[in-house]
């Protein structure tokens, strides 16, 4: 009988350990308009999956860019639109990037690995100058 109680206790401990291993995704919706992000500042936890839903309610294409950030597990659903990305050299790439056409919604999944404050911007030519910038704040819990 004691063995069964110990075995049951071990099983419960293993189940709780497995449940703690999978971290829930932080879900954020970002609205892109002509020419701003709402909200303009996003705060996410370090080392936890993020699902960013990008809703472009503007009349022209916009994108979400973080030039340099230590991330993993990046999956971008992109509308496939092509645009000139400001300051990009042939073959260069951003660490986080997803373009979204007017009236479309896309997603960007990622896990940030380092706390810090990172500039977000729209790389469509002229959009930074029009004020389409914001910040991504990655915090330790």
N, C-alpha and C. Protein backbone atom coordinates (compact mmCIF):
# COMPACT_ATOMS: atom_id res chain seq x y z
N UNK A 1 0.83 -1.20 0.00
CA UNK A 1 0.00 0.00 0.00
C UNK A 1 0.87 1.25 0.00
N UNK A 2 1.91 1.25 0.80
CA UNK A 2 2.82 2.40 0.87
C UNK A 2 3.48 2.65 -0.48
N UNK A 3 3.81 1.56 -1.19
CA UNK A 3 4.43 1.70 -2.51
C UNK A 3 3.49 2.39 -3.49
N UNK A 4 2.19 2.07 -3.40
CA UNK A 4 1.21 2.69 -4.29
C UNK A 4 1.07 4.19 -3.99
N UNK A 5 1.09 4.54 -2.73
CA UNK A 5 0.99 5.96 -2.35
C UNK A 5 2.21 6.72 -2.83
N UNK A 6 3.39 6.13 -2.67
CA UNK A 6 4.63 6.77 -3.13
C UNK A 6 4.62 6.90 -4.65
N UNK A 7 4.19 5.83 -5.34
CA UNK A 7 4.14 5.86 -6.81
C UNK A 7 3.16 6.93 -7.28
N UNK A 8 2.01 7.02 -6.62
CA UNK A 8 1.02 8.03 -6.99
C UNK A 8 1.57 9.44 -6.76
N UNK A 9 2.26 9.62 -5.66
CA UNK A 9 2.88 10.92 -5.36
C UNK A 9 3.94 11.30 -6.40
N UNK A 10 4.75 10.33 -6.80
CA UNK A 10 5.78 10.57 -7.83
C UNK A 10 5.13 10.94 -9.17
N UNK A 11 4.06 10.23 -9.51
CA UNK A 11 3.34 10.51 -10.76
C UNK A 11 2.79 11.93 -10.75
N UNK A 12 2.19 12.35 -9.65
CA UNK A 12 1.65 13.71 -9.53
C UNK A 12 2.76 14.74 -9.63
N UNK A 13 3.91 14.46 -9.03
CA UNK A 13 5.05 15.37 -9.10
C UNK A 13 5.54 15.51 -10.54
N UNK A 14 5.63 14.40 -11.25
CA UNK A 14 6.06 14.44 -12.65
C UNK A 14 5.08 15.23 -13.52
N UNK A 15 3.79 15.03 -13.29
CA UNK A 15 2.79 15.77 -14.07
C UNK A 15 2.90 17.27 -13.82
N UNK A 16 3.09 17.66 -12.58
CA UNK A 16 3.20 19.09 -12.28
C UNK A 16 4.47 19.68 -12.86
N UNK A 17 5.54 18.90 -12.91
CA UNK A 17 6.80 19.37 -13.51
C UNK A 17 6.63 19.56 -15.00
N UNK A 18 5.93 18.64 -15.65
CA UNK A 18 5.69 18.77 -17.09
C UNK A 18 4.81 19.98 -17.39
N UNK A 19 3.82 20.22 -16.58
CA UNK A 19 2.93 21.36 -16.79
C UNK A 19 3.69 22.66 -16.65
N UNK A 20 4.65 22.73 -15.74
CA UNK A 20 5.44 23.94 -15.56
C UNK A 20 6.43 24.17 -16.69
N UNK A 21 6.79 23.13 -17.41
CA UNK A 21 7.79 23.26 -18.47
C UNK A 21 7.25 24.00 -19.68
N UNK A 22 5.97 23.89 -19.96
CA UNK A 22 5.42 24.59 -21.12
C UNK A 22 4.90 25.95 -20.68
N UNK A 23 5.53 26.98 -21.19
CA UNK A 23 5.15 28.34 -20.83
C UNK A 23 4.07 28.84 -21.79
N UNK A 24 3.03 29.45 -21.26
CA UNK A 24 1.99 29.98 -22.15
C UNK A 24 2.53 31.15 -22.97
N UNK A 25 2.04 31.29 -24.17
CA UNK A 25 2.47 32.39 -25.03
C UNK A 25 1.85 33.70 -24.56
N UNK A 26 2.65 34.76 -24.64
CA UNK A 26 2.14 36.11 -24.42
C UNK A 26 1.52 36.54 -25.74
N UNK A 27 0.24 36.91 -25.72
CA UNK A 27 -0.46 37.30 -26.95
C UNK A 27 -0.71 38.80 -26.93
N UNK A 28 -0.28 39.47 -28.01
CA UNK A 28 -0.42 40.91 -28.13
C UNK A 28 -0.97 41.23 -29.51
N UNK A 29 -1.88 42.18 -29.59
CA UNK A 29 -2.37 42.67 -30.88
C UNK A 29 -1.83 44.07 -31.08
N UNK A 30 -1.24 44.29 -32.24
CA UNK A 30 -0.66 45.57 -32.61
C UNK A 30 -1.40 46.11 -33.83
N UNK A 31 -1.90 47.33 -33.73
CA UNK A 31 -2.59 47.95 -34.86
C UNK A 31 -1.64 48.90 -35.58
N UNK A 32 -1.56 48.74 -36.90
CA UNK A 32 -0.74 49.61 -37.74
C UNK A 32 -1.68 50.52 -38.51
N UNK A 33 -1.45 51.83 -38.40
CA UNK A 33 -2.25 52.80 -39.14
C UNK A 33 -1.30 53.68 -39.93
N UNK A 34 -1.83 54.65 -40.61
CA UNK A 34 -1.00 55.59 -41.37
C UNK A 34 -0.70 56.79 -40.48
N UNK A 35 0.31 56.94 -39.73
CA UNK A 35 1.58 56.25 -39.68
C UNK A 35 2.00 56.06 -38.23
N UNK A 36 1.40 55.08 -37.57
CA UNK A 36 1.73 54.82 -36.17
C UNK A 36 1.43 53.38 -35.80
N UNK A 37 2.00 52.98 -34.66
CA UNK A 37 1.71 51.69 -34.04
C UNK A 37 0.84 51.96 -32.81
N UNK A 38 -0.19 51.14 -32.59
CA UNK A 38 -0.99 51.24 -31.38
C UNK A 38 -1.08 49.85 -30.76
N UNK A 39 -0.54 49.67 -29.55
CA UNK A 39 0.19 50.65 -28.76
C UNK A 39 1.59 50.89 -29.34
N UNK A 40 2.18 52.02 -28.99
CA UNK A 40 3.52 52.35 -29.51
C UNK A 40 4.61 51.70 -28.69
N UNK A 41 4.28 51.18 -27.53
CA UNK A 41 5.25 50.50 -26.66
C UNK A 41 4.68 49.14 -26.26
N UNK A 42 5.46 48.10 -26.51
CA UNK A 42 5.06 46.73 -26.18
C UNK A 42 6.01 46.19 -25.12
N UNK A 43 5.48 45.55 -24.08
CA UNK A 43 6.32 44.94 -23.05
C UNK A 43 6.04 43.44 -23.05
N UNK A 44 7.13 42.66 -23.15
CA UNK A 44 7.03 41.21 -23.19
C UNK A 44 8.03 40.61 -22.21
N UNK A 45 7.77 39.37 -21.76
CA UNK A 45 8.72 38.70 -20.87
C UNK A 45 9.85 38.02 -21.65
N UNK A 46 11.03 38.01 -21.05
CA UNK A 46 12.17 37.31 -21.65
C UNK A 46 11.94 35.80 -21.55
N UNK A 47 12.46 35.06 -22.49
CA UNK A 47 12.43 33.59 -22.50
C UNK A 47 11.02 32.98 -22.50
N UNK A 48 10.04 33.73 -23.00
CA UNK A 48 8.69 33.17 -23.13
C UNK A 48 8.18 33.43 -24.53
N UNK A 49 7.46 32.48 -25.10
CA UNK A 49 6.93 32.66 -26.45
C UNK A 49 5.97 33.85 -26.53
N UNK A 50 6.05 34.56 -27.65
CA UNK A 50 5.17 35.70 -27.92
C UNK A 50 4.45 35.44 -29.23
N UNK A 51 3.16 35.72 -29.23
CA UNK A 51 2.37 35.68 -30.46
C UNK A 51 1.87 37.10 -30.69
N UNK A 52 2.44 37.76 -31.69
CA UNK A 52 2.09 39.13 -32.02
C UNK A 52 1.17 39.11 -33.24
N UNK A 53 -0.05 39.60 -33.06
CA UNK A 53 -1.00 39.71 -34.17
C UNK A 53 -0.91 41.15 -34.67
N UNK A 54 -0.63 41.29 -35.96
CA UNK A 54 -0.42 42.60 -36.56
C UNK A 54 -1.59 42.89 -37.50
N UNK A 55 -2.36 43.91 -37.14
CA UNK A 55 -3.56 44.28 -37.87
C UNK A 55 -3.33 45.64 -38.54
N UNK A 56 -3.21 45.64 -39.86
CA UNK A 56 -2.98 46.89 -40.60
C UNK A 56 -4.32 47.48 -41.00
N UNK A 57 -4.73 48.53 -40.28
CA UNK A 57 -5.97 49.22 -40.61
C UNK A 57 -5.72 50.45 -41.47
N UNK A 58 -4.47 50.63 -41.88
CA UNK A 58 -4.11 51.76 -42.73
C UNK A 58 -4.49 51.54 -44.18
N UNK A 59 -4.20 52.55 -45.00
CA UNK A 59 -4.52 52.51 -46.42
C UNK A 59 -3.37 52.03 -47.28
N UNK A 60 -2.17 51.88 -46.65
CA UNK A 60 -0.99 51.43 -47.38
C UNK A 60 -0.31 50.32 -46.59
N UNK A 61 0.61 49.64 -47.25
CA UNK A 61 1.35 48.57 -46.60
C UNK A 61 2.24 49.13 -45.49
N UNK A 62 2.37 48.37 -44.40
CA UNK A 62 3.27 48.70 -43.30
C UNK A 62 3.96 47.42 -42.86
N UNK A 63 5.00 47.58 -42.04
CA UNK A 63 5.62 46.40 -41.47
C UNK A 63 6.07 46.66 -40.04
N UNK A 64 6.47 45.59 -39.40
CA UNK A 64 6.98 45.60 -38.03
C UNK A 64 8.41 45.10 -38.11
N UNK A 65 9.36 45.92 -37.65
CA UNK A 65 10.77 45.56 -37.74
C UNK A 65 11.47 45.83 -36.42
N UNK A 66 12.29 44.87 -36.00
CA UNK A 66 13.30 45.10 -34.97
C UNK A 66 14.60 44.69 -35.63
N UNK A 67 15.50 45.66 -35.78
CA UNK A 67 16.72 45.42 -36.54
C UNK A 67 17.61 44.38 -35.87
N UNK A 68 17.95 44.58 -34.61
CA UNK A 68 18.84 43.67 -33.89
C UNK A 68 18.24 43.30 -32.55
N UNK A 69 17.95 42.02 -32.36
CA UNK A 69 17.44 41.49 -31.09
C UNK A 69 17.76 40.00 -31.07
N UNK A 70 18.15 39.50 -29.92
CA UNK A 70 18.47 38.09 -29.77
C UNK A 70 17.16 37.32 -29.57
N UNK A 71 16.73 36.59 -30.62
CA UNK A 71 15.46 35.86 -30.59
C UNK A 71 15.66 34.44 -31.12
N UNK A 72 14.68 33.62 -30.80
CA UNK A 72 14.66 32.26 -31.31
C UNK A 72 13.21 31.91 -31.67
N UNK A 73 13.03 30.80 -32.34
CA UNK A 73 11.69 30.29 -32.69
C UNK A 73 10.85 31.32 -33.45
N UNK A 74 11.46 32.01 -34.40
CA UNK A 74 10.77 33.05 -35.16
C UNK A 74 9.97 32.41 -36.29
N UNK A 75 8.66 32.72 -36.30
CA UNK A 75 7.77 32.26 -37.38
C UNK A 75 6.92 33.46 -37.78
N UNK A 76 7.07 33.91 -39.01
CA UNK A 76 6.31 35.07 -39.50
C UNK A 76 5.31 34.63 -40.55
N UNK A 77 4.06 35.04 -40.35
CA UNK A 77 3.04 34.88 -41.39
C UNK A 77 3.04 36.21 -42.12
N UNK A 78 3.48 36.21 -43.35
CA UNK A 78 3.65 37.44 -44.12
C UNK A 78 2.70 37.43 -45.30
N UNK A 79 2.12 38.58 -45.60
CA UNK A 79 1.17 38.65 -46.71
C UNK A 79 1.85 38.49 -48.06
N UNK A 80 3.18 38.42 -48.05
CA UNK A 80 3.90 38.21 -49.30
C UNK A 80 4.10 39.48 -50.10
N UNK A 81 3.71 40.63 -49.54
CA UNK A 81 3.90 41.87 -50.28
C UNK A 81 5.38 42.24 -50.30
N UNK A 82 5.78 42.82 -51.38
CA UNK A 82 7.17 43.25 -51.50
C UNK A 82 7.22 44.77 -51.44
N UNK A 83 8.20 45.26 -50.70
CA UNK A 83 8.37 46.69 -50.58
C UNK A 83 9.84 47.00 -50.38
N UNK A 84 10.19 48.24 -50.61
CA UNK A 84 11.57 48.66 -50.39
C UNK A 84 11.76 48.93 -48.90
N UNK A 85 12.66 48.15 -48.29
CA UNK A 85 12.94 48.34 -46.87
C UNK A 85 14.08 49.34 -46.72
N UNK A 86 13.81 50.42 -46.03
CA UNK A 86 14.72 51.54 -45.86
C UNK A 86 16.05 51.08 -45.27
N UNK A 87 17.16 51.47 -45.88
CA UNK A 87 18.48 51.20 -45.34
C UNK A 87 18.95 49.77 -45.50
N UNK A 88 18.20 48.93 -46.18
CA UNK A 88 18.59 47.53 -46.32
C UNK A 88 19.53 47.36 -47.50
N UNK A 89 20.64 46.68 -47.26
CA UNK A 89 21.54 46.32 -48.33
C UNK A 89 21.07 45.00 -48.93
N UNK A 90 21.44 44.77 -50.17
CA UNK A 90 21.07 43.53 -50.85
C UNK A 90 21.54 42.33 -50.01
N UNK A 91 20.63 41.40 -49.70
CA UNK A 91 20.99 40.21 -48.95
C UNK A 91 20.96 40.37 -47.44
N UNK A 92 20.80 41.59 -46.94
CA UNK A 92 20.75 41.81 -45.49
C UNK A 92 19.36 41.45 -44.96
N UNK A 93 19.27 41.24 -43.66
CA UNK A 93 17.97 40.92 -43.09
C UNK A 93 17.87 41.47 -41.67
N UNK A 94 16.64 41.65 -41.23
CA UNK A 94 16.36 42.08 -39.87
C UNK A 94 16.13 40.86 -39.00
N UNK A 95 16.34 41.00 -37.68
CA UNK A 95 16.09 39.87 -36.77
C UNK A 95 14.61 39.57 -36.65
N UNK A 96 13.76 40.61 -36.62
CA UNK A 96 12.31 40.43 -36.63
C UNK A 96 11.73 41.31 -37.73
N UNK A 97 10.92 40.72 -38.60
CA UNK A 97 10.31 41.49 -39.68
C UNK A 97 9.07 40.76 -40.19
N UNK A 98 7.98 41.51 -40.32
CA UNK A 98 6.81 41.00 -41.01
C UNK A 98 6.10 42.18 -41.67
N UNK A 99 5.80 42.04 -42.95
CA UNK A 99 5.07 43.07 -43.71
C UNK A 99 3.59 42.69 -43.75
N UNK A 100 2.76 43.72 -43.70
CA UNK A 100 1.32 43.49 -43.72
C UNK A 100 0.66 44.50 -44.66
N UNK A 101 -0.03 44.00 -45.66
CA UNK A 101 -0.71 44.87 -46.62
C UNK A 101 -1.89 45.59 -46.00
N UNK A 102 -2.33 46.65 -46.65
CA UNK A 102 -3.48 47.43 -46.18
C UNK A 102 -4.68 46.52 -45.98
N UNK A 103 -5.32 46.63 -44.81
CA UNK A 103 -6.50 45.85 -44.52
C UNK A 103 -6.24 44.39 -44.16
N UNK A 104 -4.97 44.00 -44.03
CA UNK A 104 -4.65 42.61 -43.75
C UNK A 104 -4.18 42.43 -42.30
N UNK A 105 -4.17 41.17 -41.87
CA UNK A 105 -3.68 40.80 -40.55
C UNK A 105 -2.69 39.66 -40.71
N UNK A 106 -1.55 39.77 -40.06
CA UNK A 106 -0.53 38.72 -40.05
C UNK A 106 -0.10 38.47 -38.62
N UNK A 107 0.70 37.42 -38.43
CA UNK A 107 1.22 37.12 -37.11
C UNK A 107 2.72 36.96 -37.14
N UNK A 108 3.32 37.18 -35.98
CA UNK A 108 4.75 37.00 -35.79
C UNK A 108 4.93 36.31 -34.45
N UNK A 109 5.55 35.13 -34.47
CA UNK A 109 5.83 34.40 -33.23
C UNK A 109 7.33 34.43 -33.00
N UNK A 110 7.74 34.59 -31.73
CA UNK A 110 9.16 34.59 -31.40
C UNK A 110 9.33 34.49 -29.89
N UNK A 111 10.56 34.21 -29.49
CA UNK A 111 10.94 34.22 -28.08
C UNK A 111 12.17 35.11 -27.95
N UNK A 112 12.09 36.17 -27.17
CA UNK A 112 13.22 37.08 -26.94
C UNK A 112 14.12 36.49 -25.86
N UNK A 113 15.42 36.53 -26.09
CA UNK A 113 16.37 35.88 -25.19
C UNK A 113 17.12 36.83 -24.26
N UNK A 114 17.06 38.14 -24.51
CA UNK A 114 17.78 39.11 -23.70
C UNK A 114 16.88 40.27 -23.31
N UNK A 115 16.85 40.64 -22.02
CA UNK A 115 16.09 41.83 -21.61
C UNK A 115 16.69 43.08 -22.27
N UNK A 116 15.86 44.09 -22.46
CA UNK A 116 16.34 45.35 -23.02
C UNK A 116 15.20 46.10 -23.70
N UNK A 117 15.53 47.28 -24.20
CA UNK A 117 14.57 48.10 -24.94
C UNK A 117 15.06 48.18 -26.38
N UNK A 118 14.18 47.83 -27.30
CA UNK A 118 14.52 47.75 -28.72
C UNK A 118 13.60 48.65 -29.52
N UNK A 119 14.17 49.31 -30.53
CA UNK A 119 13.38 50.19 -31.40
C UNK A 119 12.62 49.34 -32.41
N UNK A 120 11.30 49.62 -32.54
CA UNK A 120 10.53 49.03 -33.62
C UNK A 120 10.23 50.14 -34.63
N UNK A 121 10.16 49.77 -35.89
CA UNK A 121 9.88 50.78 -36.92
C UNK A 121 9.31 50.11 -38.16
N UNK A 122 8.71 50.96 -38.99
CA UNK A 122 8.21 50.52 -40.29
C UNK A 122 9.30 50.84 -41.32
N UNK A 123 9.74 49.80 -42.04
CA UNK A 123 10.85 49.98 -42.98
C UNK A 123 10.41 50.43 -44.37
N UNK A 124 9.11 50.62 -44.57
CA UNK A 124 8.64 51.13 -45.87
C UNK A 124 9.20 52.55 -46.03
N UNK A 125 9.73 52.84 -47.18
CA UNK A 125 10.40 54.11 -47.42
C UNK A 125 9.53 55.31 -47.02
N UNK A 126 10.09 56.17 -46.16
CA UNK A 126 9.43 57.39 -45.72
C UNK A 126 8.60 57.24 -44.45
N UNK A 127 8.35 56.00 -44.01
CA UNK A 127 7.46 55.80 -42.86
C UNK A 127 8.12 56.13 -41.52
N UNK A 128 9.42 55.90 -41.39
CA UNK A 128 10.12 56.31 -40.15
C UNK A 128 10.03 57.82 -40.02
N UNK A 129 10.31 58.51 -41.11
CA UNK A 129 10.26 59.98 -41.11
C UNK A 129 8.85 60.50 -40.79
N UNK A 130 7.84 59.73 -41.12
CA UNK A 130 6.46 60.11 -40.84
C UNK A 130 6.08 59.80 -39.38
N UNK A 131 7.01 59.18 -38.63
CA UNK A 131 6.79 58.92 -37.21
C UNK A 131 6.37 57.51 -36.86
N UNK A 132 6.54 56.57 -37.79
CA UNK A 132 6.10 55.20 -37.51
C UNK A 132 7.22 54.43 -36.81
N UNK A 133 7.36 54.73 -35.52
CA UNK A 133 8.35 54.08 -34.67
C UNK A 133 7.70 53.75 -33.32
N UNK A 134 8.33 52.88 -32.59
CA UNK A 134 7.87 52.50 -31.26
C UNK A 134 8.97 51.78 -30.53
N UNK A 135 8.61 51.06 -29.45
CA UNK A 135 9.62 50.33 -28.72
C UNK A 135 9.08 49.00 -28.24
N UNK A 136 9.98 48.03 -28.19
CA UNK A 136 9.70 46.71 -27.65
C UNK A 136 10.56 46.56 -26.41
N UNK A 137 9.89 46.38 -25.26
CA UNK A 137 10.61 46.26 -24.00
C UNK A 137 10.53 44.81 -23.55
N UNK A 138 11.70 44.19 -23.40
CA UNK A 138 11.79 42.80 -22.95
C UNK A 138 12.24 42.83 -21.50
N UNK A 139 11.42 42.26 -20.60
CA UNK A 139 11.70 42.32 -19.17
C UNK A 139 11.92 40.94 -18.58
N UNK A 140 12.76 40.89 -17.55
CA UNK A 140 12.92 39.67 -16.75
C UNK A 140 11.77 39.59 -15.77
N UNK A 141 11.32 38.39 -15.50
CA UNK A 141 10.21 38.26 -14.54
C UNK A 141 10.72 38.05 -13.16
